[in-house]
N, C-alpha and C. Protein backbone atom coordinates (compact mmCIF):
# COMPACT_ATOMS: atom_id res chain seq x y z
N UNK A 1 70.59 32.58 146.84
CA UNK A 1 70.83 31.03 145.98
C UNK A 1 71.36 30.36 147.16
N UNK A 2 70.92 29.52 147.30
CA UNK A 2 71.37 28.25 148.43
C UNK A 2 72.14 27.63 147.68
N UNK A 3 73.62 26.55 148.44
CA UNK A 3 74.36 25.93 148.11
C UNK A 3 74.22 24.85 146.69
N UNK A 4 72.62 24.50 146.87
CA UNK A 4 72.46 23.02 146.06
C UNK A 4 72.39 23.82 144.57
N UNK A 5 71.78 24.86 144.52
CA UNK A 5 71.44 25.74 143.24
C UNK A 5 72.71 26.06 142.73
N UNK A 6 73.31 27.16 143.69
CA UNK A 6 75.02 27.22 143.02
C UNK A 6 75.50 26.22 142.30
N UNK A 7 75.53 25.09 143.50
CA UNK A 7 76.63 24.16 142.58
C UNK A 7 75.81 23.52 141.29
N UNK A 8 74.57 23.25 141.67
CA UNK A 8 73.98 22.93 140.22
C UNK A 8 74.27 23.85 138.58
N UNK A 9 73.80 25.19 138.93
CA UNK A 9 74.67 25.96 137.92
C UNK A 9 76.01 25.84 137.58
N UNK A 10 76.47 25.83 138.58
CA UNK A 10 78.31 25.49 138.53
C UNK A 10 78.79 24.55 137.47
N UNK A 11 78.06 23.52 137.60
CA UNK A 11 77.89 22.27 137.10
C UNK A 11 77.43 22.23 135.48
N UNK A 12 76.56 22.93 135.72
CA UNK A 12 75.58 23.35 134.08
C UNK A 12 76.89 23.82 133.25
N UNK A 13 76.89 25.09 133.71
CA UNK A 13 78.20 25.54 133.17
C UNK A 13 79.30 25.28 132.51
N UNK A 14 79.97 24.18 133.59
CA UNK A 14 80.97 23.43 133.11
C UNK A 14 81.03 22.47 132.45
N UNK A 15 79.61 21.95 131.76
CA UNK A 15 79.29 20.77 131.53
C UNK A 15 79.04 21.73 130.07
N UNK A 16 78.33 22.84 129.89
CA UNK A 16 78.48 23.23 128.80
C UNK A 16 79.71 23.84 127.82
N UNK A 17 80.39 24.19 128.59
CA UNK A 17 81.82 24.73 128.22
C UNK A 17 82.22 23.52 127.52
N UNK A 18 82.39 22.44 128.65
CA UNK A 18 83.04 20.88 128.47
C UNK A 18 82.43 20.34 126.98
N UNK A 19 81.14 20.73 126.49
CA UNK A 19 80.47 19.99 125.50
C UNK A 19 80.56 21.19 124.18
N UNK A 20 80.81 22.29 124.68
CA UNK A 20 81.63 22.95 123.32
C UNK A 20 82.99 22.55 122.66
N UNK A 21 83.64 22.75 123.78
CA UNK A 21 84.96 22.15 123.87
C UNK A 21 85.22 20.81 122.92
N UNK A 22 84.62 19.82 123.14
CA UNK A 22 84.01 18.28 122.90
C UNK A 22 83.70 18.36 121.32
N UNK A 23 82.68 19.67 120.99
CA UNK A 23 82.45 19.61 119.64
C UNK A 23 83.27 20.67 118.84
N UNK A 24 84.62 21.50 119.19
CA UNK A 24 85.39 22.15 118.14
C UNK A 24 86.48 21.04 118.13
N UNK A 25 86.71 19.92 118.92
CA UNK A 25 87.81 19.25 118.79
C UNK A 25 87.33 18.27 117.87
N UNK A 26 85.84 18.19 117.66
CA UNK A 26 85.48 16.86 116.82
C UNK A 26 85.53 15.58 117.19
N UNK A 27 85.45 15.88 118.84
CA UNK A 27 85.19 14.26 119.39
C UNK A 27 83.90 13.56 119.84
N UNK A 28 83.85 13.25 118.78
CA UNK A 28 81.94 12.77 118.95
C UNK A 28 81.28 12.06 120.30
N UNK A 29 82.39 11.16 120.60
CA UNK A 29 82.44 10.17 121.90
C UNK A 29 82.33 11.43 122.93
N UNK A 30 83.01 12.44 122.98
CA UNK A 30 82.74 13.15 124.14
C UNK A 30 81.42 14.13 124.28
N UNK A 31 81.63 14.27 123.03
CA UNK A 31 79.90 14.82 122.54
C UNK A 31 78.99 14.29 123.35
N UNK A 32 79.01 13.12 122.84
CA UNK A 32 77.51 12.10 123.49
C UNK A 32 77.54 12.38 124.93
N UNK A 33 79.11 11.90 125.48
CA UNK A 33 78.74 11.66 126.83
C UNK A 33 78.19 13.19 127.83
N UNK A 34 78.93 14.76 127.25
CA UNK A 34 78.61 15.61 127.63
C UNK A 34 77.15 16.11 127.51
N UNK A 35 76.73 15.54 126.34
CA UNK A 35 75.27 16.15 125.90
C UNK A 35 74.18 15.11 127.00
N UNK A 36 74.83 14.19 127.45
CA UNK A 36 73.77 13.24 128.25
C UNK A 36 74.00 13.70 129.64
N UNK A 37 75.14 14.28 130.25
CA UNK A 37 75.11 14.84 131.23
C UNK A 37 75.00 16.25 131.25
N UNK A 38 74.66 16.65 130.22
CA UNK A 38 73.90 18.31 130.17
C UNK A 38 72.27 18.17 130.46
N UNK A 39 71.90 16.98 129.78
CA UNK A 39 70.32 16.56 129.62
C UNK A 39 70.10 16.46 131.18
N UNK A 40 71.05 15.58 131.99
CA UNK A 40 70.39 14.84 133.31
C UNK A 40 70.89 16.00 134.24
N UNK A 41 71.36 17.51 133.94
CA UNK A 41 71.53 18.33 135.17
C UNK A 41 70.58 19.24 134.87
N UNK A 42 69.68 19.21 133.67
CA UNK A 42 69.16 20.19 133.07
C UNK A 42 67.46 19.36 133.58
N UNK A 43 67.90 18.36 133.50
CA UNK A 43 66.06 17.67 134.39
C UNK A 43 66.50 17.91 135.50
N UNK A 44 67.58 17.92 136.61
CA UNK A 44 67.42 17.59 137.77
C UNK A 44 67.60 19.49 137.94
N UNK A 45 67.54 20.16 137.66
CA UNK A 45 67.23 21.50 137.22
C UNK A 45 65.55 21.68 137.70
N UNK A 46 65.21 21.36 136.45
CA UNK A 46 63.63 21.38 136.51
C UNK A 46 62.81 20.91 137.27
N UNK A 47 63.48 20.08 137.73
CA UNK A 47 62.41 19.26 138.95
C UNK A 47 62.93 19.80 140.15
N UNK A 48 63.73 20.59 140.28
CA UNK A 48 63.83 21.16 141.34
C UNK A 48 63.33 23.02 141.83
N UNK A 49 63.26 23.13 140.50
CA UNK A 49 62.48 25.01 140.15
C UNK A 49 63.77 25.38 139.64
N UNK A 50 64.67 25.54 139.47
CA UNK A 50 66.14 26.46 139.24
C UNK A 50 65.87 26.41 137.62
N UNK A 51 66.01 27.81 136.89
CA UNK A 51 65.63 27.96 135.57
C UNK A 51 67.22 28.28 135.08
N UNK A 52 67.39 27.59 134.03
CA UNK A 52 68.76 27.54 133.25
C UNK A 52 68.47 27.95 131.80
N UNK A 53 69.64 28.33 131.44
CA UNK A 53 69.95 28.60 129.86
C UNK A 53 70.30 27.82 129.10
N UNK A 54 70.25 27.13 128.18
CA UNK A 54 70.51 26.28 127.39
C UNK A 54 71.79 26.97 126.30
N UNK A 55 72.98 26.01 126.05
CA UNK A 55 73.85 26.67 125.13
C UNK A 55 73.59 26.45 123.95
């Protein structure tokens, strides 16, 4: 696994975790921010052929 792929997957995992935490605390604004970030990261992964799991 190259550095780009590893870094991207780490960012996706961190964003998934942040999204879960935002949902659990009821922070609707942060949920929207984290969801948008996750969608951007997933799009980037798809463009580069990096398989990811969705939370």
